[in-house]
């Protein structure tokens, strides 16, 4: 029978465990797995199962409220930057001490807790304090992509549930089942690198193929001068802005709808603004990561071609060295994406560095 876990792709074992846990929950759960496993979707589904008297029927008013983000007893903690700050996790701890307004639990969702040990001021201690002193009707739902040793004490306070990365075939089947064509689903899954949430955005993105072609042709269009590299960087950034427009439009719609339903309370508005900025930042970083991955494939193909002949001459060796140098440049740009770096600066630096290879 269908329930809130039925829409999860490739997570049958984890869903079975969460169905069991929803019937007699403890105070904290830690969901781990790759980004493509849709950690957010799993957290929301589990929250609905905890609040539902039928443990996640997917049809009752409580399930619908949780899934749509309108259950007052489900708090999704928000952060302003890429890493959690102490004050943000203290706020989550404050909310955790509330008594639930309705029958059920006070649920506090904290995503990406692995970022609580990064940045200039690690915030994991603030989260640990809340987990050590939980009120009886509070349940913490945490998620992380990678658990650093510094988070071992946090993990020890939680029941852990591991997700797996769905296969491309599973993701394509899911998108086709949602109405996408096989061609669009295949292209979106390839560009999303196993991330179902991103694939669902890209499958309706008419400009995806053109953006991929734009990145693939970068090496041939660099022109060998700083001016040409700068012009090409500006073109890529304009394409990034255009790719973001559907998400921005959807966010505006959601902000207007939620503002009307919450009465535009200051706290709700602040939380919504933070979530919008975070989602837009994630989308743009994912787009740049896709561009870097596309460039890397081009330069790997060039390296393979240069070394594939029976007799590798001096020209082939020069081409191979250039391809290796370009791969190093692109890899460094990918690493810099993890920092809260200005996108314009990053793209211009990337292309100017490729000119010098």
C-alpha atoms as a PDB file:
ATOM      1  CA  UNK A   1       0.000   0.000   0.000  1.00  0.00           C
ATOM      2  CA  UNK A   2       1.292   3.470  -0.875  1.00  0.00           C
ATOM      3  CA  UNK A   3       2.550   5.712   1.939  1.00  0.00           C
ATOM      4  CA  UNK A   4       4.861   8.716   2.404  1.00  0.00           C
ATOM      5  CA  UNK A   5       7.889   6.551   1.652  1.00  0.00           C
ATOM      6  CA  UNK A   6       6.568   5.178  -1.634  1.00  0.00           C
ATOM      7  CA  UNK A   7       7.947   8.082  -3.681  1.00  0.00           C
ATOM      8  CA  UNK A   8      11.520   7.541  -2.483  1.00  0.00           C
ATOM      9  CA  UNK A   9      13.676   6.157  -5.283  1.00  0.00           C
ATOM     10  CA  UNK A  10      15.979   3.227  -4.580  1.00  0.00           C
ATOM     11  CA  UNK A  11      15.621   3.345  -0.781  1.00  0.00           C
ATOM     12  CA  UNK A  12      13.534   0.261  -0.042  1.00  0.00           C
ATOM     13  CA  UNK A  13      15.678  -0.960   2.882  1.00  0.00           C
ATOM     14  CA  UNK A  14      15.905   2.472   4.500  1.00  0.00           C
ATOM     15  CA  UNK A  15      12.161   3.010   4.047  1.00  0.00           C
ATOM     16  CA  UNK A  16      11.416  -0.296   5.777  1.00  0.00           C
ATOM     17  CA  UNK A  17      13.578   0.740   8.730  1.00  0.00           C
ATOM     18  CA  UNK A  18      11.945   4.177   8.975  1.00  0.00           C
ATOM     19  CA  UNK A  19       8.448   2.669   8.878  1.00  0.00           C
ATOM     20  CA  UNK A  20       9.463   0.583  11.886  1.00  0.00           C
ATOM     21  CA  UNK A  21      11.050   3.518  13.744  1.00  0.00           C
ATOM     22  CA  UNK A  22       7.995   5.737  13.200  1.00  0.00           C
ATOM     23  CA  UNK A  23       5.912   3.459  15.427  1.00  0.00           C
ATOM     24  CA  UNK A  24       8.097   3.892  18.503  1.00  0.00           C
ATOM     25  CA  UNK A  25      10.603   6.705  17.930  1.00  0.00           C
ATOM     26  CA  UNK A  26      13.622   7.676  19.991  1.00  0.00           C
ATOM     27  CA  UNK A  27      14.822  11.257  20.395  1.00  0.00           C
ATOM     28  CA  UNK A  28      17.202  11.549  17.411  1.00  0.00           C
ATOM     29  CA  UNK A  29      17.912  10.026  14.000  1.00  0.00           C
ATOM     30  CA  UNK A  30      20.802  10.659  11.638  1.00  0.00           C
ATOM     31  CA  UNK A  31      20.170   9.990   7.943  1.00  0.00           C
ATOM     32  CA  UNK A  32      23.359   9.668   5.914  1.00  0.00           C
ATOM     33  CA  UNK A  33      24.023   9.183   2.234  1.00  0.00           C
ATOM     34  CA  UNK A  34      25.058  10.834  -1.026  1.00  0.00           C
ATOM     35  CA  UNK A  35      23.234  13.923  -2.269  1.00  0.00           C
ATOM     36  CA  UNK A  36      21.536  11.903  -4.991  1.00  0.00           C
ATOM     37  CA  UNK A  37      19.755   9.869  -2.327  1.00  0.00           C
ATOM     38  CA  UNK A  38      17.374  12.824  -1.694  1.00  0.00           C
ATOM     39  CA  UNK A  39      18.160  13.246   1.988  1.00  0.00           C
ATOM     40  CA  UNK A  40      15.693  16.109   2.258  1.00  0.00           C
ATOM     41  CA  UNK A  41      12.842  14.027   0.869  1.00  0.00           C
ATOM     42  CA  UNK A  42      13.607  11.206   3.285  1.00  0.00           C
ATOM     43  CA  UNK A  43      13.628  13.578   6.274  1.00  0.00           C
ATOM     44  CA  UNK A  44      10.281  15.100   5.300  1.00  0.00           C
ATOM     45  CA  UNK A  45       8.707  11.682   4.690  1.00  0.00           C
ATOM     46  CA  UNK A  46       9.920  10.446   8.070  1.00  0.00           C
ATOM     47  CA  UNK A  47       8.605  13.590   9.785  1.00  0.00           C
ATOM     48  CA  UNK A  48       5.190  12.954   8.232  1.00  0.00           C
ATOM     49  CA  UNK A  49       5.266   9.324   9.381  1.00  0.00           C
ATOM     50  CA  UNK A  50       6.055  10.455  12.932  1.00  0.00           C
ATOM     51  CA  UNK A  51       3.134  12.903  13.029  1.00  0.00           C
ATOM     52  CA  UNK A  52       0.571  10.680  11.317  1.00  0.00           C
ATOM     53  CA  UNK A  53      -1.621   8.426  13.455  1.00  0.00           C
ATOM     54  CA  UNK A  54      -1.285   5.807  10.704  1.00  0.00           C
ATOM     55  CA  UNK A  55       2.515   6.277  10.589  1.00  0.00           C
ATOM     56  CA  UNK A  56       2.657   7.971   7.179  1.00  0.00           C
ATOM     57  CA  UNK A  57      -0.496   7.197   5.210  1.00  0.00           C
ATOM     58  CA  UNK A  58       0.249  10.103   2.789  1.00  0.00           C
ATOM     59  CA  UNK A  59      -3.441  11.007   2.489  1.00  0.00           C
ATOM     60  CA  UNK A  60      -4.448  12.475   5.857  1.00  0.00           C
ATOM     61  CA  UNK A  61      -4.392  16.181   6.672  1.00  0.00           C
ATOM     62  CA  UNK A  62      -1.354  15.808   8.953  1.00  0.00           C
ATOM     63  CA  UNK A  63       0.724  14.058   6.286  1.00  0.00           C
ATOM     64  CA  UNK A  64      -0.159  16.702   3.719  1.00  0.00           C
ATOM     65  CA  UNK A  65       0.688  19.499   6.146  1.00  0.00           C
ATOM     66  CA  UNK A  66       4.131  18.072   6.886  1.00  0.00           C
ATOM     67  CA  UNK A  67       4.958  17.366   3.242  1.00  0.00           C
ATOM     68  CA  UNK A  68       3.867  20.869   2.184  1.00  0.00           C
ATOM     69  CA  UNK A  69       5.878  22.476   4.992  1.00  0.00           C
ATOM     70  CA  UNK A  70       2.890  23.766   6.970  1.00  0.00           C
ATOM     71  CA  UNK A  71       2.921  21.640  10.122  1.00  0.00           C
ATOM     72  CA  UNK A  72       3.656  24.080  13.000  1.00  0.00           C
ATOM     73  CA  UNK A  73       5.324  21.306  14.998  1.00  0.00           C
ATOM     74  CA  UNK A  74       7.901  20.512  12.309  1.00  0.00           C
ATOM     75  CA  UNK A  75      10.774  22.999  12.358  1.00  0.00           C
ATOM     76  CA  UNK A  76      13.255  23.045   9.469  1.00  0.00           C
ATOM     77  CA  UNK A  77      16.352  24.777  10.787  1.00  0.00           C
ATOM     78  CA  UNK A  78      17.864  27.276   8.363  1.00  0.00           C
ATOM     79  CA  UNK A  79      21.351  28.629   7.974  1.00  0.00           C
ATOM     80  CA  UNK A  80      22.532  31.757   6.197  1.00  0.00           C
ATOM     81  CA  UNK A  81      25.836  30.421   4.871  1.00  0.00           C
ATOM     82  CA  UNK A  82      27.348  27.178   3.703  1.00  0.00           C
ATOM     83  CA  UNK A  83      28.253  26.111   7.255  1.00  0.00           C
ATOM     84  CA  UNK A  84      26.150  26.106  10.418  1.00  0.00           C
ATOM     85  CA  UNK A  85      26.769  28.885  12.932  1.00  0.00           C
ATOM     86  CA  UNK A  86      26.507  28.461  16.682  1.00  0.00           C
ATOM     87  CA  UNK A  87      23.561  30.868  17.002  1.00  0.00           C
ATOM     88  CA  UNK A  88      21.623  29.008  14.287  1.00  0.00           C
ATOM     89  CA  UNK A  89      21.959  25.674  16.073  1.00  0.00           C
ATOM     90  CA  UNK A  90      21.149  27.278  19.406  1.00  0.00           C
ATOM     91  CA  UNK A  91      17.911  28.513  17.835  1.00  0.00           C
ATOM     92  CA  UNK A  92      17.145  24.937  16.762  1.00  0.00           C
ATOM     93  CA  UNK A  93      17.793  23.881  20.359  1.00  0.00           C
ATOM     94  CA  UNK A  94      15.426  26.566  21.633  1.00  0.00           C
ATOM     95  CA  UNK A  95      12.680  25.373  19.295  1.00  0.00           C
ATOM     96  CA  UNK A  96      13.256  21.783  20.414  1.00  0.00           C
ATOM     97  CA  UNK A  97      12.135  22.738  23.927  1.00  0.00           C
ATOM     98  CA  UNK A  98       8.663  23.761  22.752  1.00  0.00           C
ATOM     99  CA  UNK A  99       5.694  21.583  23.533  1.00  0.00           C
ATOM    100  CA  UNK A 100       3.942  20.404  20.370  1.00  0.00           C
ATOM    101  CA  UNK A 101       0.786  22.365  19.547  1.00  0.00           C
ATOM    102  CA  UNK A 102      -1.026  19.270  18.274  1.00  0.00           C
ATOM    103  CA  UNK A 103      -0.998  15.600  19.101  1.00  0.00           C
ATOM    104  CA  UNK A 104       2.348  14.206  18.012  1.00  0.00           C
ATOM    105  CA  UNK A 105       5.919  15.456  18.344  1.00  0.00           C
ATOM    106  CA  UNK A 106       7.956  18.619  18.166  1.00  0.00           C
ATOM    107  CA  UNK A 107      10.225  17.701  15.259  1.00  0.00           C
ATOM    108  CA  UNK A 108      13.445  19.596  14.556  1.00  0.00           C
ATOM    109  CA  UNK A 109      15.108  18.967  11.187  1.00  0.00           C
ATOM    110  CA  UNK A 110      18.764  19.935  10.795  1.00  0.00           C
ATOM    111  CA  UNK A 111      20.219  19.185   7.373  1.00  0.00           C
ATOM    112  CA  UNK A 112      23.893  18.917   6.437  1.00  0.00           C
ATOM    113  CA  UNK A 113      25.170  18.581   9.998  1.00  0.00           C
ATOM    114  CA  UNK A 114      28.548  17.701   8.496  1.00  0.00           C
ATOM    115  CA  UNK A 115      28.985  21.444   7.872  1.00  0.00           C
ATOM    116  CA  UNK A 116      28.717  22.086  11.622  1.00  0.00           C
ATOM    117  CA  UNK A 117      32.414  21.224  11.978  1.00  0.00           C
ATOM    118  CA  UNK A 118      33.630  23.460   9.149  1.00  0.00           C
ATOM    119  CA  UNK A 119      34.160  27.189   8.935  1.00  0.00           C
ATOM    120  CA  UNK A 120      35.922  29.560  11.309  1.00  0.00           C
ATOM    121  CA  UNK A 121      33.686  28.720  14.286  1.00  0.00           C
ATOM    122  CA  UNK A 122      32.582  25.060  14.409  1.00  0.00           C
ATOM    123  CA  UNK A 123      29.066  24.772  15.805  1.00  0.00           C
ATOM    124  CA  UNK A 124      28.739  21.058  16.528  1.00  0.00           C
ATOM    125  CA  UNK A 125      28.933  21.575  20.307  1.00  0.00           C
ATOM    126  CA  UNK A 126      25.711  23.605  20.235  1.00  0.00           C
ATOM    127  CA  UNK A 127      23.917  20.748  18.483  1.00  0.00           C
ATOM    128  CA  UNK A 128      25.378  18.151  20.832  1.00  0.00           C
ATOM    129  CA  UNK A 129      24.053  20.005  23.887  1.00  0.00           C
ATOM    130  CA  UNK A 130      20.494  19.853  22.489  1.00  0.00           C
ATOM    131  CA  UNK A 131      20.802  16.146  21.714  1.00  0.00           C
ATOM    132  CA  UNK A 132      22.036  15.388  25.228  1.00  0.00           C
ATOM    133  CA  UNK A 133      19.048  17.049  26.933  1.00  0.00           C
ATOM    134  CA  UNK A 134      16.025  16.296  24.716  1.00  0.00           C
ATOM    135  CA  UNK A 135      12.473  16.976  25.940  1.00  0.00           C
ATOM    136  CA  UNK A 136      10.290  13.840  25.974  1.00  0.00           C
ATOM    137  CA  UNK A 137       8.135  14.833  22.958  1.00  0.00           C
ATOM    138  CA  UNK A 138      10.938  16.145  20.743  1.00  0.00           C
ATOM    139  CA  UNK A 139      12.520  14.219  17.880  1.00  0.00           C
ATOM    140  CA  UNK A 140      15.621  15.486  16.046  1.00  0.00           C
ATOM    141  CA  UNK A 141      16.011  14.475  12.406  1.00  0.00           C
ATOM    142  CA  UNK A 142      19.544  15.130  11.136  1.00  0.00           C
ATOM    143  CA  UNK A 143      21.176  14.519   7.780  1.00  0.00           C
ATOM    144  CA  UNK A 144      24.751  14.407   6.544  1.00  0.00           C
ATOM    145  CA  UNK A 145      26.566  13.485   3.356  1.00  0.00           C
ATOM    146  CA  UNK A 146      29.858  12.659   5.032  1.00  0.00           C
ATOM    147  CA  UNK A 147      30.483  12.197   8.760  1.00  0.00           C
ATOM    148  CA  UNK A 148      33.771  13.679   9.928  1.00  0.00           C
ATOM    149  CA  UNK A 149      35.423  12.189  13.034  1.00  0.00           C
ATOM    150  CA  UNK A 150      34.613  15.450  14.848  1.00  0.00           C
ATOM    151  CA  UNK A 151      30.927  14.481  14.634  1.00  0.00           C
ATOM    152  CA  UNK A 152      31.325  11.066  16.251  1.00  0.00           C
ATOM    153  CA  UNK A 153      29.788  12.297  19.509  1.00  0.00           C
ATOM    154  CA  UNK A 154      26.761  13.693  17.634  1.00  0.00           C
ATOM    155  CA  UNK A 155      26.325  10.425  15.731  1.00  0.00           C
ATOM    156  CA  UNK A 156      26.554   8.437  18.974  1.00  0.00           C
ATOM    157  CA  UNK A 157      23.404  10.186  20.237  1.00  0.00           C
ATOM    158  CA  UNK A 158      21.378   9.150  17.182  1.00  0.00           C
ATOM    159  CA  UNK A 159      19.953   6.113  15.468  1.00  0.00           C
ATOM    160  CA  UNK A 160      21.663   6.048  12.075  1.00  0.00           C
ATOM    161  CA  UNK A 161      19.973   5.182   8.813  1.00  0.00           C
ATOM    162  CA  UNK A 162      22.143   4.906   5.703  1.00  0.00           C
ATOM    163  CA  UNK A 163      20.809   5.647   2.228  1.00  0.00           C
ATOM    164  CA  UNK A 164      22.326   4.460  -1.024  1.00  0.00           C
ATOM    165  CA  UNK A 165      22.812   6.270  -4.314  1.00  0.00           C
ATOM    166  CA  UNK A 166      20.050   5.307  -6.766  1.00  0.00           C
ATOM    167  CA  UNK A 167      21.237   4.003 -10.118  1.00  0.00           C
ATOM    168  CA  UNK A 168      20.790   6.075 -13.267  1.00  0.00           C
ATOM    169  CA  UNK A 169      18.260   3.518 -14.474  1.00  0.00           C
ATOM    170  CA  UNK A 170      16.182   3.967 -11.307  1.00  0.00           C
ATOM    171  CA  UNK A 171      16.277   7.746 -11.645  1.00  0.00           C
ATOM    172  CA  UNK A 172      15.311   7.645 -15.313  1.00  0.00           C
ATOM    173  CA  UNK A 173      12.436   5.295 -14.537  1.00  0.00           C
ATOM    174  CA  UNK A 174      11.240   7.658 -11.801  1.00  0.00           C
ATOM    175  CA  UNK A 175      11.312  10.694 -14.098  1.00  0.00           C
ATOM    176  CA  UNK A 176       9.546   8.859 -16.909  1.00  0.00           C
ATOM    177  CA  UNK A 177       6.943   7.752 -14.371  1.00  0.00           C
ATOM    178  CA  UNK A 178       6.407  11.413 -13.515  1.00  0.00           C
ATOM    179  CA  UNK A 179       5.685  12.253 -17.150  1.00  0.00           C
ATOM    180  CA  UNK A 180       9.088  13.022 -18.678  1.00  0.00           C
ATOM    181  CA  UNK A 181      10.153  11.646 -22.028  1.00  0.00           C
ATOM    182  CA  UNK A 182      12.896   9.038 -22.031  1.00  0.00           C
ATOM    183  CA  UNK A 183      15.245  11.381 -23.907  1.00  0.00           C
ATOM    184  CA  UNK A 184      14.689  14.290 -21.498  1.00  0.00           C
ATOM    185  CA  UNK A 185      15.008  12.006 -18.464  1.00  0.00           C
ATOM    186  CA  UNK A 186      18.269  10.492 -19.730  1.00  0.00           C
ATOM    187  CA  UNK A 187      19.791  13.916 -20.391  1.00  0.00           C
ATOM    188  CA  UNK A 188      18.670  15.277 -17.008  1.00  0.00           C
ATOM    189  CA  UNK A 189      19.978  12.292 -15.043  1.00  0.00           C
ATOM    190  CA  UNK A 190      23.332  12.467 -16.807  1.00  0.00           C
ATOM    191  CA  UNK A 191      23.623  16.159 -15.958  1.00  0.00           C
ATOM    192  CA  UNK A 192      22.426  15.748 -12.364  1.00  0.00           C
ATOM    193  CA  UNK A 193      25.148  13.208 -11.439  1.00  0.00           C
ATOM    194  CA  UNK A 194      22.769  10.994  -9.494  1.00  0.00           C
ATOM    195  CA  UNK A 195      20.883  13.777  -7.681  1.00  0.00           C
ATOM    196  CA  UNK A 196      17.144  13.169  -8.062  1.00  0.00           C
ATOM    197  CA  UNK A 197      16.078  16.614  -6.836  1.00  0.00           C
ATOM    198  CA  UNK A 198      18.306  18.289  -9.390  1.00  0.00           C
ATOM    199  CA  UNK A 199      17.235  15.869 -12.130  1.00  0.00           C
ATOM    200  CA  UNK A 200      13.619  16.849 -11.481  1.00  0.00           C
ATOM    201  CA  UNK A 201      14.551  20.476 -12.104  1.00  0.00           C
ATOM    202  CA  UNK A 202      16.656  19.780 -15.169  1.00  0.00           C
ATOM    203  CA  UNK A 203      14.165  17.473 -16.889  1.00  0.00           C
ATOM    204  CA  UNK A 204      11.943  20.513 -17.550  1.00  0.00           C
ATOM    205  CA  UNK A 205      14.871  22.777 -18.463  1.00  0.00           C
ATOM    206  CA  UNK A 206      14.700  23.475 -22.190  1.00  0.00           C
ATOM    207  CA  UNK A 207      18.111  25.163 -22.144  1.00  0.00           C
ATOM    208  CA  UNK A 208      20.053  22.288 -20.593  1.00  0.00           C
ATOM    209  CA  UNK A 209      21.405  20.822 -23.839  1.00  0.00           C
ATOM    210  CA  UNK A 210      22.551  24.254 -25.020  1.00  0.00           C
ATOM    211  CA  UNK A 211      24.351  24.939 -21.736  1.00  0.00           C
ATOM    212  CA  UNK A 212      26.149  21.604 -21.928  1.00  0.00           C
ATOM    213  CA  UNK A 213      27.264  22.401 -25.487  1.00  0.00           C
ATOM    214  CA  UNK A 214      28.456  25.822 -24.357  1.00  0.00           C
ATOM    215  CA  UNK A 215      30.735  24.236 -21.734  1.00  0.00           C
ATOM    216  CA  UNK A 216      31.912  21.484 -24.117  1.00  0.00           C
ATOM    217  CA  UNK A 217      33.094  24.049 -26.657  1.00  0.00           C
ATOM    218  CA  UNK A 218      34.975  26.228 -24.167  1.00  0.00           C
ATOM    219  CA  UNK A 219      38.433  24.806 -25.092  1.00  0.00           C
ATOM    220  CA  UNK A 220      37.873  25.555 -28.782  1.00  0.00           C
ATOM    221  CA  UNK A 221      36.558  29.071 -28.124  1.00  0.00           C
ATOM    222  CA  UNK A 222      39.075  30.350 -25.591  1.00  0.00           C
ATOM    223  CA  UNK A 223      40.950  32.170 -28.313  1.00  0.00           C
ATOM    224  CA  UNK A 224      44.272  32.307 -26.460  1.00  0.00           C
ATOM    225  CA  UNK A 225      43.868  35.840 -25.089  1.00  0.00           C
ATOM    226  CA  UNK A 226      42.682  37.293 -21.809  1.00  0.00           C
ATOM    227  CA  UNK A 227      40.051  39.343 -23.602  1.00  0.00           C
ATOM    228  CA  UNK A 228      38.521  36.323 -25.327  1.00  0.00           C
ATOM    229  CA  UNK A 229      38.582  34.324 -22.088  1.00  0.00           C
ATOM    230  CA  UNK A 230      36.874  37.150 -20.217  1.00  0.00           C
ATOM    231  CA  UNK A 231      34.192  37.476 -22.881  1.00  0.00           C
ATOM    232  CA  UNK A 232      33.557  33.732 -22.775  1.00  0.00           C
ATOM    233  CA  UNK A 233      33.345  33.841 -18.962  1.00  0.00           C
ATOM    234  CA  UNK A 234      30.701  36.567 -19.204  1.00  0.00           C
ATOM    235  CA  UNK A 235      28.740  34.405 -21.647  1.00  0.00           C
ATOM    236  CA  UNK A 236      28.805  31.442 -19.259  1.00  0.00           C
ATOM    237  CA  UNK A 237      27.679  33.634 -16.362  1.00  0.00           C
ATOM    238  CA  UNK A 238      24.762  35.013 -18.406  1.00  0.00           C
ATOM    239  CA  UNK A 239      23.749  31.435 -19.173  1.00  0.00           C
ATOM    240  CA  UNK A 240      23.927  30.667 -15.450  1.00  0.00           C
ATOM    241  CA  UNK A 241      21.601  33.576 -14.709  1.00  0.00           C
ATOM    242  CA  UNK A 242      19.175  32.389 -17.383  1.00  0.00           C
ATOM    243  CA  UNK A 243      19.242  28.840 -16.005  1.00  0.00           C
ATOM    244  CA  UNK A 244      18.363  30.192 -12.554  1.00  0.00           C
ATOM    245  CA  UNK A 245      15.293  32.104 -13.751  1.00  0.00           C
ATOM    246  CA  UNK A 246      12.771  29.204 -13.521  1.00  0.00           C
ATOM    247  CA  UNK A 247      13.883  28.476  -9.954  1.00  0.00           C
ATOM    248  CA  UNK A 248      13.675  32.160  -9.027  1.00  0.00           C
ATOM    249  CA  UNK A 249      10.156  32.387 -10.486  1.00  0.00           C
ATOM    250  CA  UNK A 250       9.087  29.295  -8.555  1.00  0.00           C
ATOM    251  CA  UNK A 251      10.577  30.709  -5.361  1.00  0.00           C
ATOM    252  CA  UNK A 252       8.677  33.991  -5.807  1.00  0.00           C
ATOM    253  CA  UNK A 253       5.463  32.043  -6.175  1.00  0.00           C
ATOM    254  CA  UNK A 254       6.200  30.003  -3.056  1.00  0.00           C
ATOM    255  CA  UNK A 255       7.138  33.112  -1.061  1.00  0.00           C
ATOM    256  CA  UNK A 256       3.878  34.839  -1.996  1.00  0.00           C
ATOM    257  CA  UNK A 257       1.839  31.741  -1.172  1.00  0.00           C
ATOM    258  CA  UNK A 258       3.540  31.085   2.150  1.00  0.00           C
ATOM    259  CA  UNK A 259       3.387  34.764   3.138  1.00  0.00           C
ATOM    260  CA  UNK A 260      -0.389  34.735   2.651  1.00  0.00           C
ATOM    261  CA  UNK A 261      -0.744  31.538   4.687  1.00  0.00           C
ATOM    262  CA  UNK A 262       1.516  32.617   7.576  1.00  0.00           C
ATOM    263  CA  UNK A 263       0.320  36.206   7.754  1.00  0.00           C
ATOM    264  CA  UNK A 264       3.822  37.422   6.835  1.00  0.00           C
ATOM    265  CA  UNK A 265       5.178  36.856  10.323  1.00  0.00           C
ATOM    266  CA  UNK A 266       8.706  38.260  10.611  1.00  0.00           C
ATOM    267  CA  UNK A 267      10.188  34.958  11.787  1.00  0.00           C
ATOM    268  CA  UNK A 268       8.563  32.998   8.969  1.00  0.00           C
ATOM    269  CA  UNK A 269       9.702  35.560   6.422  1.00  0.00           C
ATOM    270  CA  UNK A 270      13.261  35.401   7.702  1.00  0.00           C
ATOM    271  CA  UNK A 271      13.303  31.603   7.563  1.00  0.00           C
ATOM    272  CA  UNK A 272      11.790  31.612   4.071  1.00  0.00           C
ATOM    273  CA  UNK A 273      14.298  34.161   2.772  1.00  0.00           C
ATOM    274  CA  UNK A 274      17.165  32.065   4.139  1.00  0.00           C
ATOM    275  CA  UNK A 275      15.787  28.917   2.502  1.00  0.00           C
ATOM    276  CA  UNK A 276      15.343  30.696  -0.845  1.00  0.00           C
ATOM    277  CA  UNK A 277      18.912  31.995  -0.796  1.00  0.00           C
ATOM    278  CA  UNK A 278      20.224  28.565   0.128  1.00  0.00           C
ATOM    279  CA  UNK A 279      18.276  26.802  -2.640  1.00  0.00           C
ATOM    280  CA  UNK A 280      19.379  29.332  -5.246  1.00  0.00           C
ATOM    281  CA  UNK A 281      22.997  29.094  -4.094  1.00  0.00           C
ATOM    282  CA  UNK A 282      22.830  25.293  -4.258  1.00  0.00           C
ATOM    283  CA  UNK A 283      21.376  25.392  -7.769  1.00  0.00           C
ATOM    284  CA  UNK A 284      24.031  27.782  -9.049  1.00  0.00           C
ATOM    285  CA  UNK A 285      26.861  25.798  -7.444  1.00  0.00           C
ATOM    286  CA  UNK A 286      25.448  22.625  -8.991  1.00  0.00           C
ATOM    287  CA  UNK A 287      25.365  24.336 -12.394  1.00  0.00           C
ATOM    288  CA  UNK A 288      29.009  25.376 -12.085  1.00  0.00           C
ATOM    289  CA  UNK A 289      29.910  21.895 -10.875  1.00  0.00           C
ATOM    290  CA  UNK A 290      28.193  20.509 -13.986  1.00  0.00           C
ATOM    291  CA  UNK A 291      30.222  22.894 -16.135  1.00  0.00           C
ATOM    292  CA  UNK A 292      33.470  21.790 -14.502  1.00  0.00           C
ATOM    293  CA  UNK A 293      32.542  18.123 -14.943  1.00  0.00           C
ATOM    294  CA  UNK A 294      31.739  18.729 -18.615  1.00  0.00           C
ATOM    295  CA  UNK A 295      35.076  20.502 -19.139  1.00  0.00           C
ATOM    296  CA  UNK A 296      36.909  17.685 -17.388  1.00  0.00           C
ATOM    297  CA  UNK A 297      35.418  15.117 -19.759  1.00  0.00           C
ATOM    298  CA  UNK A 298      36.534  17.170 -22.754  1.00  0.00           C
ATOM    299  CA  UNK A 299      40.105  17.434 -21.482  1.00  0.00           C
ATOM    300  CA  UNK A 300      40.225  13.741 -20.498  1.00  0.00           C
ATOM    301  CA  UNK A 301      39.144  12.838 -24.019  1.00  0.00           C
ATOM    302  CA  UNK A 302      41.928  15.050 -25.389  1.00  0.00           C
ATOM    303  CA  UNK A 303      44.458  13.414 -23.102  1.00  0.00           C
ATOM    304  CA  UNK A 304      43.357   9.943 -24.193  1.00  0.00           C
ATOM    305  CA  UNK A 305      43.484  10.924 -27.846  1.00  0.00           C
ATOM    306  CA  UNK A 306      46.984  12.403 -27.499  1.00  0.00           C
ATOM    307  CA  UNK A 307      48.350   9.199 -25.956  1.00  0.00           C
ATOM    308  CA  UNK A 308      46.401   6.642 -27.948  1.00  0.00           C
ATOM    309  CA  UNK A 309      48.662   6.455 -31.002  1.00  0.00           C
ATOM    310  CA  UNK A 310      51.256   3.781 -31.583  1.00  0.00           C
ATOM    311  CA  UNK A 311      53.987   6.390 -31.844  1.00  0.00           C
ATOM    312  CA  UNK A 312      53.570   9.333 -29.460  1.00  0.00           C
ATOM    313  CA  UNK A 313      55.590  12.225 -30.885  1.00  0.00           C
ATOM    314  CA  UNK A 314      56.576  15.573 -29.381  1.00  0.00           C
ATOM    315  CA  UNK A 315      53.330  17.204 -30.545  1.00  0.00           C
ATOM    316  CA  UNK A 316      51.266  14.514 -28.839  1.00  0.00           C
ATOM    317  CA  UNK A 317      53.247  14.939 -25.629  1.00  0.00           C
ATOM    318  CA  UNK A 318      52.630  18.698 -25.690  1.00  0.00           C
ATOM    319  CA  UNK A 319      48.911  18.085 -26.178  1.00  0.00           C
ATOM    320  CA  UNK A 320      48.928  15.587 -23.319  1.00  0.00           C
ATOM    321  CA  UNK A 321      50.727  18.026 -20.986  1.00  0.00           C
ATOM    322  CA  UNK A 322      48.275  20.776 -21.921  1.00  0.00           C
ATOM    323  CA  UNK A 323      45.312  18.495 -21.221  1.00  0.00           C
ATOM    324  CA  UNK A 324      46.774  17.456 -17.863  1.00  0.00           C
ATOM    325  CA  UNK A 325      47.376  21.091 -16.945  1.00  0.00           C
ATOM    326  CA  UNK A 326      43.810  21.977 -17.901  1.00  0.00           C
ATOM    327  CA  UNK A 327      42.468  19.111 -15.786  1.00  0.00           C
ATOM    328  CA  UNK A 328      44.398  20.447 -12.797  1.00  0.00           C
ATOM    329  CA  UNK A 329      42.941  23.929 -13.361  1.00  0.00           C
ATOM    330  CA  UNK A 330      39.379  22.600 -13.593  1.00  0.00           C
ATOM    331  CA  UNK A 331      39.875  20.414 -10.505  1.00  0.00           C
ATOM    332  CA  UNK A 332      41.060  23.437  -8.522  1.00  0.00           C
ATOM    333  CA  UNK A 333      37.957  25.379  -9.623  1.00  0.00           C
ATOM    334  CA  UNK A 334      35.822  22.480  -8.414  1.00  0.00           C
ATOM    335  CA  UNK A 335      37.496  22.584  -5.010  1.00  0.00           C
ATOM    336  CA  UNK A 336      36.943  26.327  -4.770  1.00  0.00           C
ATOM    337  CA  UNK A 337      33.228  25.796  -5.341  1.00  0.00           C
ATOM    338  CA  UNK A 338      33.019  24.357  -1.829  1.00  0.00           C
ATOM    339  CA  UNK A 339      33.907  27.780  -0.414  1.00  0.00           C
ATOM    340  CA  UNK A 340      31.474  30.696  -0.418  1.00  0.00           C
ATOM    341  CA  UNK A 341      33.316  32.250  -3.350  1.00  0.00           C
ATOM    342  CA  UNK A 342      32.080  34.909  -5.749  1.00  0.00           C
ATOM    343  CA  UNK A 343      30.892  33.077  -8.880  1.00  0.00           C
ATOM    344  CA  UNK A 344      32.004  35.805 -11.276  1.00  0.00           C
ATOM    345  CA  UNK A 345      35.528  35.717  -9.897  1.00  0.00           C
ATOM    346  CA  UNK A 346      35.647  31.918 -10.013  1.00  0.00           C
ATOM    347  CA  UNK A 347      34.534  31.608 -13.660  1.00  0.00           C
ATOM    348  CA  UNK A 348      36.850  34.376 -14.849  1.00  0.00           C
ATOM    349  CA  UNK A 349      39.793  32.867 -12.951  1.00  0.00           C
ATOM    350  CA  UNK A 350      39.014  29.435 -14.418  1.00  0.00           C
ATOM    351  CA  UNK A 351      39.010  30.583 -18.035  1.00  0.00           C
ATOM    352  CA  UNK A 352      41.988  32.901 -17.657  1.00  0.00           C
ATOM    353  CA  UNK A 353      43.955  30.027 -16.096  1.00  0.00           C
ATOM    354  CA  UNK A 354      42.977  27.715 -18.976  1.00  0.00           C
ATOM    355  CA  UNK A 355      44.358  30.268 -21.452  1.00  0.00           C
ATOM    356  CA  UNK A 356      47.722  30.058 -19.687  1.00  0.00           C
ATOM    357  CA  UNK A 357      47.925  26.255 -19.794  1.00  0.00           C
END
